[in-house]
Amino acid sequence: MSDKPSVLFVCVHNAGRSQMAAGWLAALAGDAIEVRSAGSAPKDQVNPAAVEAMAEVGIDIAGQKPKILTTDAVRASDVVITMGCGDACPVFPGKRYLDWDLDDPAGKGVEAVRPIRDEIRARVEGLIRELTAPAS
């Protein structure tokens, strides 16, 4: 069992929002927070516009693969964040659930994905502050 907090980002396809969020969290928090992402109906690949938008800020998510959401992934996470997709997620006592209402980048060009990427960064920065703040 790890002492560091664990976050699971969930969206239907695990190809855009959840992948960008996981990329931001891994890049900004380093190894201070464990990062997972998954989807209930994963696509074959990460959204190319999301890959391009993240590459513009120096984060490479091109090698990531969409993953199926499992009960084990939820059980192993402290915080489960769904991405505005109304995903049915297993609920376990003691877990914290958040829903980030974000536009879906599916089918959009990189110009439309940039604002989504930037909003995700702001939310991830707030999450990092919250999860790494000293207990009072």
C-alpha atoms as a PDB file:
ATOM      1  CA  MET A   1       0.000   0.000   0.000  1.00  0.00           C
ATOM      2  CA  SER A   2       1.410   3.370  -1.009  1.00  0.00           C
ATOM      3  CA  ASP A   3       1.327   6.487   1.159  1.00  0.00           C
ATOM      4  CA  LYS A   4       0.950   8.767  -1.828  1.00  0.00           C
ATOM      5  CA  PRO A   5      -2.518   9.723  -3.055  1.00  0.00           C
ATOM      6  CA  SER A   6      -3.884   8.006  -6.156  1.00  0.00           C
ATOM      7  CA  VAL A   7      -6.126   9.620  -8.773  1.00  0.00           C
ATOM      8  CA  LEU A   8      -8.175   7.896 -11.482  1.00  0.00           C
ATOM      9  CA  PHE A   9      -9.451   9.991 -14.409  1.00  0.00           C
ATOM     10  CA  VAL A  10     -12.446   8.451 -16.193  1.00  0.00           C
ATOM     11  CA  CYS A  11     -14.186   9.335 -19.452  1.00  0.00           C
ATOM     12  CA  VAL A  12     -16.122   7.124 -21.849  1.00  0.00           C
ATOM     13  CA  HIS A  13     -13.405   6.606 -24.487  1.00  0.00           C
ATOM     14  CA  ASN A  14     -10.253   7.296 -22.393  1.00  0.00           C
ATOM     15  CA  ALA A  15      -8.910   9.007 -25.495  1.00  0.00           C
ATOM     16  CA  GLY A  16      -9.060  12.752 -24.822  1.00  0.00           C
ATOM     17  CA  ARG A  17      -9.949  14.477 -21.552  1.00  0.00           C
ATOM     18  CA  SER A  18      -8.853  11.711 -19.199  1.00  0.00           C
ATOM     19  CA  GLN A  19      -5.596  11.196 -21.104  1.00  0.00           C
ATOM     20  CA  MET A  20      -4.806  14.933 -21.040  1.00  0.00           C
ATOM     21  CA  ALA A  21      -5.618  15.093 -17.309  1.00  0.00           C
ATOM     22  CA  ALA A  22      -3.394  12.100 -16.588  1.00  0.00           C
ATOM     23  CA  GLY A  23      -0.616  13.666 -18.654  1.00  0.00           C
ATOM     24  CA  TRP A  24      -0.877  16.954 -16.770  1.00  0.00           C
ATOM     25  CA  LEU A  25      -0.965  15.272 -13.368  1.00  0.00           C
ATOM     26  CA  ALA A  26       2.044  13.083 -14.138  1.00  0.00           C
ATOM     27  CA  ALA A  27       4.011  16.062 -15.503  1.00  0.00           C
ATOM     28  CA  LEU A  28       3.112  18.536 -12.747  1.00  0.00           C
ATOM     29  CA  ALA A  29       3.078  16.267  -9.679  1.00  0.00           C
ATOM     30  CA  GLY A  30       5.971  14.001 -10.617  1.00  0.00           C
ATOM     31  CA  ASP A  31       5.909  10.916  -8.447  1.00  0.00           C
ATOM     32  CA  ALA A  32       4.048  12.633  -5.569  1.00  0.00           C
ATOM     33  CA  ILE A  33       0.674  11.365  -6.846  1.00  0.00           C
ATOM     34  CA  GLU A  34      -0.146   8.055  -8.509  1.00  0.00           C
ATOM     35  CA  VAL A  35      -2.011   8.577 -11.800  1.00  0.00           C
ATOM     36  CA  ARG A  36      -4.460   6.301 -13.639  1.00  0.00           C
ATOM     37  CA  SER A  37      -6.943   6.814 -16.447  1.00  0.00           C
ATOM     38  CA  ALA A  38      -9.592   4.578 -17.960  1.00  0.00           C
ATOM     39  CA  GLY A  39     -12.863   4.523 -19.877  1.00  0.00           C
ATOM     40  CA  SER A  40     -16.033   2.458 -20.013  1.00  0.00           C
ATOM     41  CA  ALA A  41     -15.789   2.076 -23.811  1.00  0.00           C
ATOM     42  CA  PRO A  42     -12.139   2.812 -24.696  1.00  0.00           C
ATOM     43  CA  LYS A  43     -11.196   3.814 -28.231  1.00  0.00           C
ATOM     44  CA  ASP A  44      -8.359   2.174 -30.160  1.00  0.00           C
ATOM     45  CA  GLN A  45      -6.047   5.161 -29.752  1.00  0.00           C
ATOM     46  CA  VAL A  46      -5.648   8.492 -27.996  1.00  0.00           C
ATOM     47  CA  ASN A  47      -7.270  11.421 -29.825  1.00  0.00           C
ATOM     48  CA  PRO A  48      -4.623  12.856 -32.222  1.00  0.00           C
ATOM     49  CA  ALA A  49      -5.737  16.442 -31.502  1.00  0.00           C
ATOM     50  CA  ALA A  50      -5.264  15.810 -27.753  1.00  0.00           C
ATOM     51  CA  VAL A  51      -1.803  14.362 -28.444  1.00  0.00           C
ATOM     52  CA  GLU A  52      -0.907  17.427 -30.544  1.00  0.00           C
ATOM     53  CA  ALA A  53      -2.295  19.919 -27.996  1.00  0.00           C
ATOM     54  CA  MET A  54      -0.331  18.293 -25.169  1.00  0.00           C
ATOM     55  CA  ALA A  55       2.846  18.122 -27.291  1.00  0.00           C
ATOM     56  CA  GLU A  56       2.578  21.907 -27.733  1.00  0.00           C
ATOM     57  CA  VAL A  57       3.131  22.261 -23.971  1.00  0.00           C
ATOM     58  CA  GLY A  58       5.896  19.664 -23.834  1.00  0.00           C
ATOM     59  CA  ILE A  59       3.863  16.673 -22.595  1.00  0.00           C
ATOM     60  CA  ASP A  60       3.995  13.503 -24.675  1.00  0.00           C
ATOM     61  CA  ILE A  61       0.873  11.339 -24.386  1.00  0.00           C
ATOM     62  CA  ALA A  62       1.340   9.742 -27.834  1.00  0.00           C
ATOM     63  CA  GLY A  63       2.458   6.446 -26.318  1.00  0.00           C
ATOM     64  CA  GLN A  64      -0.590   6.095 -24.071  1.00  0.00           C
ATOM     65  CA  LYS A  65      -3.269   3.526 -24.846  1.00  0.00           C
ATOM     66  CA  PRO A  66      -6.933   3.848 -23.858  1.00  0.00           C
ATOM     67  CA  LYS A  67      -7.736   1.374 -21.078  1.00  0.00           C
ATOM     68  CA  ILE A  68     -10.958  -0.253 -19.915  1.00  0.00           C
ATOM     69  CA  LEU A  69     -12.360   0.924 -16.583  1.00  0.00           C
ATOM     70  CA  THR A  70     -12.093  -1.841 -13.996  1.00  0.00           C
ATOM     71  CA  THR A  71     -13.427  -2.198 -10.488  1.00  0.00           C
ATOM     72  CA  ASP A  72      -9.835  -2.788  -9.344  1.00  0.00           C
ATOM     73  CA  ALA A  73      -8.712   0.581 -10.744  1.00  0.00           C
ATOM     74  CA  VAL A  74     -11.466   2.352  -8.808  1.00  0.00           C
ATOM     75  CA  ARG A  75     -10.749   0.354  -5.651  1.00  0.00           C
ATOM     76  CA  ALA A  76      -7.031   1.263  -5.860  1.00  0.00           C
ATOM     77  CA  SER A  77      -7.698   5.018  -6.232  1.00  0.00           C
ATOM     78  CA  ASP A  78      -8.290   7.640  -3.548  1.00  0.00           C
ATOM     79  CA  VAL A  79      -9.919  10.153  -5.889  1.00  0.00           C
ATOM     80  CA  VAL A  80     -12.022   9.239  -8.946  1.00  0.00           C
ATOM     81  CA  ILE A  81     -12.645  12.078 -11.393  1.00  0.00           C
ATOM     82  CA  THR A  82     -15.204  11.621 -14.150  1.00  0.00           C
ATOM     83  CA  MET A  83     -14.968  13.970 -17.091  1.00  0.00           C
ATOM     84  CA  GLY A  84     -18.431  15.342 -17.784  1.00  0.00           C
ATOM     85  CA  CYS A  85     -19.614  12.183 -19.488  1.00  0.00           C
ATOM     86  CA  GLY A  86     -22.050  10.750 -16.948  1.00  0.00           C
ATOM     87  CA  ASP A  87     -20.008   7.563 -16.809  1.00  0.00           C
ATOM     88  CA  ALA A  88     -21.306   4.749 -14.632  1.00  0.00           C
ATOM     89  CA  CYS A  89     -18.474   4.183 -12.212  1.00  0.00           C
ATOM     90  CA  PRO A  90     -18.302   1.632  -9.413  1.00  0.00           C
ATOM     91  CA  VAL A  91     -18.789   3.410  -6.094  1.00  0.00           C
ATOM     92  CA  PHE A  92     -16.816   2.351  -3.049  1.00  0.00           C
ATOM     93  CA  PRO A  93     -17.091   3.805   0.454  1.00  0.00           C
ATOM     94  CA  GLY A  94     -14.178   6.029   1.421  1.00  0.00           C
ATOM     95  CA  LYS A  95     -13.431   7.134  -2.140  1.00  0.00           C
ATOM     96  CA  ARG A  96     -13.779  10.711  -3.218  1.00  0.00           C
ATOM     97  CA  TYR A  97     -15.693  11.290  -6.454  1.00  0.00           C
ATOM     98  CA  LEU A  98     -15.560  14.480  -8.518  1.00  0.00           C
ATOM     99  CA  ASP A  99     -17.114  15.286 -11.880  1.00  0.00           C
ATOM    100  CA  TRP A 100     -15.297  17.768 -14.081  1.00  0.00           C
ATOM    101  CA  ASP A 101     -17.741  19.069 -16.679  1.00  0.00           C
ATOM    102  CA  LEU A 102     -15.490  19.547 -19.701  1.00  0.00           C
ATOM    103  CA  ASP A 103     -16.173  19.766 -23.424  1.00  0.00           C
ATOM    104  CA  ASP A 104     -15.448  16.545 -25.296  1.00  0.00           C
ATOM    105  CA  PRO A 105     -12.513  16.975 -27.702  1.00  0.00           C
ATOM    106  CA  ALA A 106     -13.702  14.069 -29.896  1.00  0.00           C
ATOM    107  CA  GLY A 107     -13.881  15.094 -33.543  1.00  0.00           C
ATOM    108  CA  LYS A 108     -12.422  18.554 -32.878  1.00  0.00           C
ATOM    109  CA  GLY A 109      -9.256  20.089 -34.254  1.00  0.00           C
ATOM    110  CA  VAL A 110      -6.327  21.166 -32.104  1.00  0.00           C
ATOM    111  CA  GLU A 111      -7.587  24.784 -32.017  1.00  0.00           C
ATOM    112  CA  ALA A 112     -10.742  23.622 -30.219  1.00  0.00           C
ATOM    113  CA  VAL A 113      -8.802  21.231 -27.964  1.00  0.00           C
ATOM    114  CA  ARG A 114      -6.368  23.877 -26.605  1.00  0.00           C
ATOM    115  CA  PRO A 115      -8.923  25.583 -24.317  1.00  0.00           C
ATOM    116  CA  ILE A 116      -9.993  22.164 -22.971  1.00  0.00           C
ATOM    117  CA  ARG A 117      -6.321  21.306 -22.350  1.00  0.00           C
ATOM    118  CA  ASP A 118      -5.788  24.600 -20.520  1.00  0.00           C
ATOM    119  CA  GLU A 119      -8.909  24.188 -18.366  1.00  0.00           C
ATOM    120  CA  ILE A 120      -7.780  20.681 -17.431  1.00  0.00           C
ATOM    121  CA  ARG A 121      -4.362  22.058 -16.430  1.00  0.00           C
ATOM    122  CA  ALA A 122      -5.964  24.625 -14.101  1.00  0.00           C
ATOM    123  CA  ARG A 123      -8.123  21.939 -12.471  1.00  0.00           C
ATOM    124  CA  VAL A 124      -5.173  19.556 -12.117  1.00  0.00           C
ATOM    125  CA  GLU A 125      -3.071  22.301 -10.487  1.00  0.00           C
ATOM    126  CA  GLY A 126      -5.841  22.850  -7.918  1.00  0.00           C
ATOM    127  CA  LEU A 127      -6.086  19.110  -7.319  1.00  0.00           C
ATOM    128  CA  ILE A 128      -2.322  18.855  -6.748  1.00  0.00           C
ATOM    129  CA  ARG A 129      -2.426  21.722  -4.205  1.00  0.00           C
ATOM    130  CA  GLU A 130      -5.282  19.988  -2.410  1.00  0.00           C
ATOM    131  CA  LEU A 131      -3.734  16.501  -2.388  1.00  0.00           C
ATOM    132  CA  THR A 132      -0.230  17.582  -1.391  1.00  0.00           C
ATOM    133  CA  ALA A 133      -1.163  20.200   1.231  1.00  0.00           C
ATOM    134  CA  PRO A 134       0.110  19.337   4.692  1.00  0.00           C
ATOM    135  CA  ALA A 135      -2.604  17.913   6.936  1.00  0.00           C
ATOM    136  CA  SER A 136      -3.714  20.386   9.574  1.00  0.00           C
END
